[in-house]
Amino acid sequence: MLKLEHLYKTFNPGTINQKVALSDLSLHLNPGDFVTVIGGNGAGKSTMLNAIAGVWAVDSGRIILDGQDVTALPEHKRANFIGRVFQDPMMGTAPNMQLEENLALAMRRGQRRGLGWGVTKAEREVYREKLKTLNLGLEDRMTVKVGLLSGGQRQALTLLMASLQKPKLLLLDEHTAALDPATAAKVLDLSDRIVAENQLTALMITHNMTDAIKHGNRLIMMNEGQIILDISGEEKKQLTKQMLMDKFAELAGTQVESDQVLLSK
């Protein structure tokens, strides 16, 4: 479903602020893969997601999505088949618009817009049923402005919006980092359910090693713009935080004493 082939990206080249963000990065995702991504600050995780989404162009390499080379495709055109949920609960929605209006925008992604009613009666019923699946009571608040929702409610809504058109790829960019632990756990469980029910291919960046181990069928670790570890299947199920830290020390050549140290590097 996704092929990243020999990606390179350097910011501020030729200056004292030069930063190599991606260095010969290659990654292949099969349809239905749910891949968690961990690594220290500056490892290249967000750069990789932004390159996939088309936020900025790579210096060289190719990005192929479902057989189509999208390397030169602008961000707004990639948005037709890529869903994304951001770390900030305030992103990804229109806060001054109602819940049902936000869902209508998501449902029409990639389609031509006309001058008909924004939300039809039939669509309203569809949205109500979709919101019921979140188990947050939002189906009774469809005319409430999204900006009045809590962070967890908003992330749940954004997840639903990102999956309405069943994107070819779902990008979860530390989407629980701004939430309290209990709310984050609920949003992660919802993420698992939405990915499974819609048979989506997903990439999820997280700074929580326990979450990276618990969720998804595959885990990759990045360091200095490269993938240094790629674990899936039974091997992933047997992982512990200590095993991950030991792997990082072995592969990156840096000894760490805790996961906090690793993830703040």
C-alpha atoms as a PDB file:
ATOM      1  CA  MET A   1       0.000   0.000   0.000  1.00  0.00           C
ATOM      2  CA  LEU A   2       2.887   2.370   0.763  1.00  0.00           C
ATOM      3  CA  LYS A   3       6.448   2.326  -0.501  1.00  0.00           C
ATOM      4  CA  LEU A   4       9.072   4.815   0.608  1.00  0.00           C
ATOM      5  CA  GLU A   5      12.174   4.328  -1.508  1.00  0.00           C
ATOM      6  CA  HIS A   6      15.516   5.889  -0.541  1.00  0.00           C
ATOM      7  CA  LEU A   7      14.135   9.148   0.835  1.00  0.00           C
ATOM      8  CA  TYR A   8      16.514  11.989   1.673  1.00  0.00           C
ATOM      9  CA  LYS A   9      15.567  15.285   3.287  1.00  0.00           C
ATOM     10  CA  THR A  10      17.939  17.967   4.605  1.00  0.00           C
ATOM     11  CA  PHE A  11      16.758  21.229   6.124  1.00  0.00           C
ATOM     12  CA  ASN A  12      18.807  24.432   5.703  1.00  0.00           C
ATOM     13  CA  PRO A  13      21.476  22.757   3.549  1.00  0.00           C
ATOM     14  CA  GLY A  14      24.836  24.481   3.389  1.00  0.00           C
ATOM     15  CA  THR A  15      24.221  26.553   6.516  1.00  0.00           C
ATOM     16  CA  ILE A  16      25.260  26.229  10.148  1.00  0.00           C
ATOM     17  CA  ASN A  17      21.684  25.105  10.830  1.00  0.00           C
ATOM     18  CA  GLN A  18      21.877  22.188   8.385  1.00  0.00           C
ATOM     19  CA  LYS A  19      19.917  19.190   9.636  1.00  0.00           C
ATOM     20  CA  VAL A  20      19.726  15.821   7.906  1.00  0.00           C
ATOM     21  CA  ALA A  21      16.199  14.660   8.726  1.00  0.00           C
ATOM     22  CA  LEU A  22      15.893  11.622   6.444  1.00  0.00           C
ATOM     23  CA  SER A  23      18.837   9.595   5.229  1.00  0.00           C
ATOM     24  CA  ASP A  24      18.221   6.831   2.669  1.00  0.00           C
ATOM     25  CA  LEU A  25      14.919   5.932   4.321  1.00  0.00           C
ATOM     26  CA  SER A  26      13.029   3.001   2.831  1.00  0.00           C
ATOM     27  CA  LEU A  27       9.829   1.441   4.160  1.00  0.00           C
ATOM     28  CA  HIS A  28       7.171  -0.828   2.655  1.00  0.00           C
ATOM     29  CA  LEU A  29       3.688  -1.220   4.170  1.00  0.00           C
ATOM     30  CA  ASN A  30       1.295  -3.983   3.166  1.00  0.00           C
ATOM     31  CA  PRO A  31      -2.459  -3.327   3.003  1.00  0.00           C
ATOM     32  CA  GLY A  32      -3.868  -3.499   6.523  1.00  0.00           C
ATOM     33  CA  ASP A  33      -0.564  -2.890   8.295  1.00  0.00           C
ATOM     34  CA  PHE A  34      -0.870  -0.826  11.483  1.00  0.00           C
ATOM     35  CA  VAL A  35       2.663   0.373  12.171  1.00  0.00           C
ATOM     36  CA  THR A  36       3.716   2.197  15.337  1.00  0.00           C
ATOM     37  CA  VAL A  37       6.757   4.491  15.051  1.00  0.00           C
ATOM     38  CA  ILE A  38       9.051   5.417  17.931  1.00  0.00           C
ATOM     39  CA  GLY A  39      12.376   7.212  18.253  1.00  0.00           C
ATOM     40  CA  GLY A  40      13.981  10.182  19.960  1.00  0.00           C
ATOM     41  CA  ASN A  41      13.374  13.827  19.138  1.00  0.00           C
ATOM     42  CA  GLY A  42      14.994  14.579  15.800  1.00  0.00           C
ATOM     43  CA  ALA A  43      14.922  10.948  14.700  1.00  0.00           C
ATOM     44  CA  GLY A  44      12.890  11.843  11.603  1.00  0.00           C
ATOM     45  CA  LYS A  45       9.462  10.520  12.589  1.00  0.00           C
ATOM     46  CA  SER A  46       7.431  13.668  11.894  1.00  0.00           C
ATOM     47  CA  THR A  47       9.550  14.479   8.845  1.00  0.00           C
ATOM     48  CA  MET A  48       8.633  11.076   7.417  1.00  0.00           C
ATOM     49  CA  LEU A  49       4.902  11.640   8.006  1.00  0.00           C
ATOM     50  CA  ASN A  50       5.071  15.166   6.569  1.00  0.00           C
ATOM     51  CA  ALA A  51       6.897  13.857   3.510  1.00  0.00           C
ATOM     52  CA  ILE A  52       4.201  11.203   2.996  1.00  0.00           C
ATOM     53  CA  ALA A  53       1.440  13.791   3.398  1.00  0.00           C
ATOM     54  CA  GLY A  54       3.173  16.205   1.011  1.00  0.00           C
ATOM     55  CA  VAL A  55       3.715  18.996   3.540  1.00  0.00           C
ATOM     56  CA  TRP A  56       7.168  19.406   2.038  1.00  0.00           C
ATOM     57  CA  ALA A  57       9.038  17.800  -0.811  1.00  0.00           C
ATOM     58  CA  VAL A  58      11.856  15.325  -0.294  1.00  0.00           C
ATOM     59  CA  ASP A  59      15.274  16.010  -1.786  1.00  0.00           C
ATOM     60  CA  SER A  60      15.337  12.647  -3.516  1.00  0.00           C
ATOM     61  CA  GLY A  61      13.656   9.265  -3.444  1.00  0.00           C
ATOM     62  CA  ARG A  62      10.141   8.106  -4.281  1.00  0.00           C
ATOM     63  CA  ILE A  63       6.829   7.843  -2.415  1.00  0.00           C
ATOM     64  CA  ILE A  64       4.402   5.332  -3.913  1.00  0.00           C
ATOM     65  CA  LEU A  65       0.873   4.943  -2.545  1.00  0.00           C
ATOM     66  CA  ASP A  66      -1.246   2.044  -3.744  1.00  0.00           C
ATOM     67  CA  GLY A  67       0.837   1.769  -6.890  1.00  0.00           C
ATOM     68  CA  GLN A  68       0.752   5.506  -7.704  1.00  0.00           C
ATOM     69  CA  ASP A  69       3.885   7.630  -7.553  1.00  0.00           C
ATOM     70  CA  VAL A  70       2.814  10.634  -5.465  1.00  0.00           C
ATOM     71  CA  THR A  71       6.299  12.083  -4.912  1.00  0.00           C
ATOM     72  CA  ALA A  72       5.521  15.234  -6.889  1.00  0.00           C
ATOM     73  CA  LEU A  73       1.836  15.439  -5.953  1.00  0.00           C
ATOM     74  CA  PRO A  74       0.918  18.528  -3.856  1.00  0.00           C
ATOM     75  CA  GLU A  75      -0.468  18.150  -0.344  1.00  0.00           C
ATOM     76  CA  HIS A  76      -4.062  19.075  -1.187  1.00  0.00           C
ATOM     77  CA  LYS A  77      -4.253  16.362  -3.838  1.00  0.00           C
ATOM     78  CA  ARG A  78      -2.760  13.705  -1.567  1.00  0.00           C
ATOM     79  CA  ALA A  79      -5.425  14.616   1.000  1.00  0.00           C
ATOM     80  CA  ASN A  80      -7.950  12.879  -1.266  1.00  0.00           C
ATOM     81  CA  PHE A  81      -6.605   9.508  -0.155  1.00  0.00           C
ATOM     82  CA  ILE A  82      -4.651  10.206   3.049  1.00  0.00           C
ATOM     83  CA  GLY A  83      -6.345  10.765   6.409  1.00  0.00           C
ATOM     84  CA  ARG A  84      -4.444  12.443   9.233  1.00  0.00           C
ATOM     85  CA  VAL A  85      -4.967  13.117  12.930  1.00  0.00           C
ATOM     86  CA  PHE A  86      -2.612  15.606  14.576  1.00  0.00           C
ATOM     87  CA  GLN A  87      -1.181  15.913  18.075  1.00  0.00           C
ATOM     88  CA  ASP A  88      -3.062  19.151  18.713  1.00  0.00           C
ATOM     89  CA  PRO A  89      -6.794  18.436  19.270  1.00  0.00           C
ATOM     90  CA  MET A  90      -7.488  21.902  17.800  1.00  0.00           C
ATOM     91  CA  MET A  91      -6.205  20.830  14.381  1.00  0.00           C
ATOM     92  CA  GLY A  92      -8.050  18.764  11.812  1.00  0.00           C
ATOM     93  CA  THR A  93     -11.461  20.308  12.472  1.00  0.00           C
ATOM     94  CA  ALA A  94     -13.225  23.646  11.959  1.00  0.00           C
ATOM     95  CA  PRO A  95     -13.862  24.788  15.564  1.00  0.00           C
ATOM     96  CA  ASN A  96     -16.503  27.390  14.701  1.00  0.00           C
ATOM     97  CA  MET A  97     -18.594  24.936  12.732  1.00  0.00           C
ATOM     98  CA  GLN A  98     -21.039  22.358  14.081  1.00  0.00           C
ATOM     99  CA  LEU A  99     -20.242  18.667  14.466  1.00  0.00           C
ATOM    100  CA  GLU A 100     -22.522  17.716  11.576  1.00  0.00           C
ATOM    101  CA  GLU A 101     -20.969  20.404   9.365  1.00  0.00           C
ATOM    102  CA  ASN A 102     -17.474  19.104  10.088  1.00  0.00           C
ATOM    103  CA  LEU A 103     -18.612  15.576   9.244  1.00  0.00           C
ATOM    104  CA  ALA A 104     -20.166  16.844   6.001  1.00  0.00           C
ATOM    105  CA  LEU A 105     -16.864  18.431   5.007  1.00  0.00           C
ATOM    106  CA  ALA A 106     -15.055  15.163   5.709  1.00  0.00           C
ATOM    107  CA  MET A 107     -17.625  13.148   3.768  1.00  0.00           C
ATOM    108  CA  ARG A 108     -17.169  15.414   0.733  1.00  0.00           C
ATOM    109  CA  ARG A 109     -13.387  15.267   0.719  1.00  0.00           C
ATOM    110  CA  GLY A 110     -12.124  14.964  -2.839  1.00  0.00           C
ATOM    111  CA  GLN A 111     -15.552  15.650  -4.359  1.00  0.00           C
ATOM    112  CA  ARG A 112     -16.821  18.634  -6.323  1.00  0.00           C
ATOM    113  CA  ARG A 113     -18.767  21.089  -4.161  1.00  0.00           C
ATOM    114  CA  GLY A 114     -22.105  22.500  -5.280  1.00  0.00           C
ATOM    115  CA  LEU A 115     -24.635  24.995  -3.935  1.00  0.00           C
ATOM    116  CA  GLY A 116     -27.025  22.462  -2.371  1.00  0.00           C
ATOM    117  CA  TRP A 117     -27.838  22.195   1.314  1.00  0.00           C
ATOM    118  CA  GLY A 118     -24.748  21.631   3.432  1.00  0.00           C
ATOM    119  CA  VAL A 119     -26.239  18.739   5.403  1.00  0.00           C
ATOM    120  CA  THR A 120     -29.231  16.801   4.108  1.00  0.00           C
ATOM    121  CA  LYS A 121     -31.691  14.950   6.342  1.00  0.00           C
ATOM    122  CA  ALA A 122     -30.423  11.596   5.074  1.00  0.00           C
ATOM    123  CA  GLU A 123     -26.817  12.569   5.764  1.00  0.00           C
ATOM    124  CA  ARG A 124     -27.730  13.761   9.243  1.00  0.00           C
ATOM    125  CA  GLU A 125     -29.009  10.287  10.089  1.00  0.00           C
ATOM    126  CA  VAL A 126     -25.821   8.714   8.759  1.00  0.00           C
ATOM    127  CA  TYR A 127     -23.701  11.029  10.905  1.00  0.00           C
ATOM    128  CA  ARG A 128     -25.841  10.300  13.947  1.00  0.00           C
ATOM    129  CA  GLU A 129     -25.232   6.567  13.556  1.00  0.00           C
ATOM    130  CA  LYS A 130     -21.514   7.116  13.020  1.00  0.00           C
ATOM    131  CA  LEU A 131     -21.258   9.264  16.147  1.00  0.00           C
ATOM    132  CA  LYS A 132     -23.083   6.617  18.189  1.00  0.00           C
ATOM    133  CA  THR A 133     -20.184   4.236  17.577  1.00  0.00           C
ATOM    134  CA  LEU A 134     -17.887   6.565  19.541  1.00  0.00           C
ATOM    135  CA  ASN A 135     -19.933   6.002  22.723  1.00  0.00           C
ATOM    136  CA  LEU A 136     -19.451   9.628  23.759  1.00  0.00           C
ATOM    137  CA  GLY A 137     -23.006  10.909  23.427  1.00  0.00           C
ATOM    138  CA  LEU A 138     -21.999  13.191  20.559  1.00  0.00           C
ATOM    139  CA  GLU A 139     -24.937  11.988  18.475  1.00  0.00           C
ATOM    140  CA  ASP A 140     -27.103  14.195  20.698  1.00  0.00           C
ATOM    141  CA  ARG A 141     -24.851  17.242  20.213  1.00  0.00           C
ATOM    142  CA  MET A 142     -24.616  17.422  16.438  1.00  0.00           C
ATOM    143  CA  THR A 143     -25.383  21.135  16.269  1.00  0.00           C
ATOM    144  CA  VAL A 144     -22.788  22.044  18.917  1.00  0.00           C
ATOM    145  CA  LYS A 145     -19.680  23.848  17.679  1.00  0.00           C
ATOM    146  CA  VAL A 146     -16.636  21.568  17.660  1.00  0.00           C
ATOM    147  CA  GLY A 147     -14.564  24.137  19.546  1.00  0.00           C
ATOM    148  CA  LEU A 148     -16.705  23.473  22.627  1.00  0.00           C
ATOM    149  CA  LEU A 149     -15.719  19.785  22.819  1.00  0.00           C
ATOM    150  CA  SER A 150     -13.063  18.417  25.142  1.00  0.00           C
ATOM    151  CA  GLY A 151      -9.705  17.363  23.722  1.00  0.00           C
ATOM    152  CA  GLY A 152     -10.599  13.674  23.847  1.00  0.00           C
ATOM    153  CA  GLN A 153     -13.984  14.202  22.218  1.00  0.00           C
ATOM    154  CA  ARG A 154     -12.362  16.260  19.500  1.00  0.00           C
ATOM    155  CA  GLN A 155      -9.692  13.652  18.768  1.00  0.00           C
ATOM    156  CA  ALA A 156     -12.374  10.969  18.600  1.00  0.00           C
ATOM    157  CA  LEU A 157     -14.344  13.120  16.152  1.00  0.00           C
ATOM    158  CA  THR A 158     -11.211  13.767  14.087  1.00  0.00           C
ATOM    159  CA  LEU A 159     -10.536  10.025  13.917  1.00  0.00           C
ATOM    160  CA  LEU A 160     -14.065   9.468  12.655  1.00  0.00           C
ATOM    161  CA  MET A 161     -13.711  12.272  10.095  1.00  0.00           C
ATOM    162  CA  ALA A 162     -10.356  10.925   8.878  1.00  0.00           C
ATOM    163  CA  SER A 163     -11.860   7.480   8.260  1.00  0.00           C
ATOM    164  CA  LEU A 164     -15.249   8.414   6.734  1.00  0.00           C
ATOM    165  CA  GLN A 165     -13.968   8.090   3.175  1.00  0.00           C
ATOM    166  CA  LYS A 166     -11.795   5.069   4.058  1.00  0.00           C
ATOM    167  CA  PRO A 167      -8.435   6.596   3.098  1.00  0.00           C
ATOM    168  CA  LYS A 168      -5.751   4.465   1.568  1.00  0.00           C
ATOM    169  CA  LEU A 169      -3.477   5.532   4.419  1.00  0.00           C
ATOM    170  CA  LEU A 170      -4.191   6.896   7.915  1.00  0.00           C
ATOM    171  CA  LEU A 171      -1.475   8.981   9.608  1.00  0.00           C
ATOM    172  CA  LEU A 172      -1.691   9.324  13.399  1.00  0.00           C
ATOM    173  CA  ASP A 173       0.818  11.965  14.448  1.00  0.00           C
ATOM    174  CA  GLU A 174       1.205  11.611  18.246  1.00  0.00           C
ATOM    175  CA  HIS A 175      -2.560  12.051  18.366  1.00  0.00           C
ATOM    176  CA  THR A 176      -2.841  11.220  22.081  1.00  0.00           C
ATOM    177  CA  ALA A 177       0.175  13.195  23.355  1.00  0.00           C
ATOM    178  CA  ALA A 178      -1.922  16.185  24.490  1.00  0.00           C
ATOM    179  CA  LEU A 179      -4.487  14.048  26.345  1.00  0.00           C
ATOM    180  CA  ASP A 180      -4.544  12.791  29.912  1.00  0.00           C
ATOM    181  CA  PRO A 181      -3.669   9.056  30.298  1.00  0.00           C
ATOM    182  CA  ALA A 182      -7.248   7.815  30.723  1.00  0.00           C
ATOM    183  CA  THR A 183      -8.533   9.776  27.707  1.00  0.00           C
ATOM    184  CA  ALA A 184      -5.488   8.794  25.650  1.00  0.00           C
ATOM    185  CA  ALA A 185      -6.192   5.111  26.336  1.00  0.00           C
ATOM    186  CA  LYS A 186      -9.801   5.506  25.139  1.00  0.00           C
ATOM    187  CA  VAL A 187      -8.691   7.294  21.955  1.00  0.00           C
ATOM    188  CA  LEU A 188      -6.093   4.587  21.263  1.00  0.00           C
ATOM    189  CA  ASP A 189      -8.688   1.843  21.708  1.00  0.00           C
ATOM    190  CA  LEU A 190     -10.948   3.755  19.314  1.00  0.00           C
ATOM    191  CA  SER A 191      -8.051   4.033  16.864  1.00  0.00           C
ATOM    192  CA  ASP A 192      -7.593   0.247  16.974  1.00  0.00           C
ATOM    193  CA  ARG A 193     -11.286  -0.287  16.317  1.00  0.00           C
ATOM    194  CA  ILE A 194     -11.533   2.199  13.444  1.00  0.00           C
ATOM    195  CA  VAL A 195      -8.424   0.798  11.743  1.00  0.00           C
ATOM    196  CA  ALA A 196      -9.673  -2.796  12.117  1.00  0.00           C
ATOM    197  CA  GLU A 197     -13.292  -2.179  11.105  1.00  0.00           C
ATOM    198  CA  ASN A 198     -12.339  -0.177   8.019  1.00  0.00           C
ATOM    199  CA  GLN A 199      -9.321  -2.384   7.208  1.00  0.00           C
ATOM    200  CA  LEU A 200      -7.105   0.691   6.982  1.00  0.00           C
ATOM    201  CA  THR A 201      -3.358   0.896   6.558  1.00  0.00           C
ATOM    202  CA  ALA A 202      -2.006   3.133   9.315  1.00  0.00           C
ATOM    203  CA  LEU A 203       1.186   4.748  10.624  1.00  0.00           C
ATOM    204  CA  MET A 204       1.140   5.959  14.232  1.00  0.00           C
ATOM    205  CA  ILE A 205       3.907   8.022  15.829  1.00  0.00           C
ATOM    206  CA  THR A 206       4.036   7.770  19.604  1.00  0.00           C
ATOM    207  CA  HIS A 207       6.435   8.726  22.397  1.00  0.00           C
ATOM    208  CA  ASN A 208       4.941   6.063  24.651  1.00  0.00           C
ATOM    209  CA  MET A 209       6.846   2.804  24.314  1.00  0.00           C
ATOM    210  CA  THR A 210       4.091   0.798  26.024  1.00  0.00           C
ATOM    211  CA  ASP A 211       1.548   2.080  23.501  1.00  0.00           C
ATOM    212  CA  ALA A 212       3.932   1.324  20.635  1.00  0.00           C
ATOM    213  CA  ILE A 213       4.217  -2.274  21.824  1.00  0.00           C
ATOM    214  CA  LYS A 214       0.521  -2.750  22.622  1.00  0.00           C
ATOM    215  CA  HIS A 215      -0.994  -1.323  19.454  1.00  0.00           C
ATOM    216  CA  GLY A 216      -0.550  -2.280  15.829  1.00  0.00           C
ATOM    217  CA  ASN A 217       0.917  -5.359  14.193  1.00  0.00           C
ATOM    218  CA  ARG A 218       4.325  -3.866  13.482  1.00  0.00           C
ATOM    219  CA  LEU A 219       6.778  -1.519  15.215  1.00  0.00           C
ATOM    220  CA  ILE A 220       9.619   0.491  13.734  1.00  0.00           C
ATOM    221  CA  MET A 221      12.249   2.507  15.574  1.00  0.00           C
ATOM    222  CA  MET A 222      13.956   5.484  13.938  1.00  0.00           C
ATOM    223  CA  ASN A 223      17.261   7.166  14.690  1.00  0.00           C
ATOM    224  CA  GLU A 224      19.061   9.909  12.755  1.00  0.00           C
ATOM    225  CA  GLY A 225      16.673   9.731   9.812  1.00  0.00           C
ATOM    226  CA  GLN A 226      16.841   5.984   9.366  1.00  0.00           C
ATOM    227  CA  ILE A 227      14.870   2.932  10.447  1.00  0.00           C
ATOM    228  CA  ILE A 228      17.084   0.943  12.801  1.00  0.00           C
ATOM    229  CA  LEU A 229      14.531  -1.620  13.963  1.00  0.00           C
ATOM    230  CA  ASP A 230      11.502  -3.238  12.297  1.00  0.00           C
ATOM    231  CA  ILE A 231       9.586  -5.842  14.333  1.00  0.00           C
ATOM    232  CA  SER A 232       6.267  -7.537  13.610  1.00  0.00           C
ATOM    233  CA  GLY A 233       4.224 -10.634  14.357  1.00  0.00           C
ATOM    234  CA  GLU A 234       5.030 -12.831  17.341  1.00  0.00           C
ATOM    235  CA  GLU A 235       8.338 -11.062  17.910  1.00  0.00           C
ATOM    236  CA  LYS A 236       6.482  -7.796  18.518  1.00  0.00           C
ATOM    237  CA  LYS A 237       4.009  -9.455  20.885  1.00  0.00           C
ATOM    238  CA  GLN A 238       6.906 -10.616  23.069  1.00  0.00           C
ATOM    239  CA  LEU A 239       8.500  -7.163  23.304  1.00  0.00           C
ATOM    240  CA  THR A 240       9.008  -5.282  26.564  1.00  0.00           C
ATOM    241  CA  LYS A 241      10.187  -1.719  27.173  1.00  0.00           C
ATOM    242  CA  GLN A 242      13.500  -3.030  28.465  1.00  0.00           C
ATOM    243  CA  MET A 243      14.008  -5.134  25.351  1.00  0.00           C
ATOM    244  CA  LEU A 244      13.358  -2.047  23.200  1.00  0.00           C
ATOM    245  CA  MET A 245      15.857   0.029  25.165  1.00  0.00           C
ATOM    246  CA  ASP A 246      18.443  -2.728  24.855  1.00  0.00           C
ATOM    247  CA  LYS A 247      17.804  -2.911  21.113  1.00  0.00           C
ATOM    248  CA  PHE A 248      18.237   0.835  20.814  1.00  0.00           C
ATOM    249  CA  ALA A 249      21.514   0.698  22.706  1.00  0.00           C
ATOM    250  CA  GLU A 250      22.738  -2.116  20.470  1.00  0.00           C
ATOM    251  CA  LEU A 251      21.704  -0.567  17.153  1.00  0.00           C
ATOM    252  CA  ALA A 252      22.261   3.141  17.854  1.00  0.00           C
ATOM    253  CA  GLY A 253      25.413   2.612  19.886  1.00  0.00           C
ATOM    254  CA  THR A 254      24.065   4.626  22.801  1.00  0.00           C
ATOM    255  CA  GLN A 255      23.289   3.166  26.203  1.00  0.00           C
ATOM    256  CA  VAL A 256      20.087   4.400  27.846  1.00  0.00           C
ATOM    257  CA  GLU A 257      18.830   3.920  31.374  1.00  0.00           C
ATOM    258  CA  SER A 258      15.125   4.613  30.865  1.00  0.00           C
ATOM    259  CA  ASP A 259      12.539   5.037  28.146  1.00  0.00           C
ATOM    260  CA  GLN A 260      12.277   8.726  29.039  1.00  0.00           C
ATOM    261  CA  VAL A 261      15.945   9.153  28.192  1.00  0.00           C
ATOM    262  CA  LEU A 262      15.538   7.304  24.913  1.00  0.00           C
ATOM    263  CA  LEU A 263      12.506   9.271  23.800  1.00  0.00           C
ATOM    264  CA  SER A 264      13.958  12.646  24.708  1.00  0.00           C
ATOM    265  CA  LYS A 265      17.163  12.143  22.765  1.00  0.00           C
END
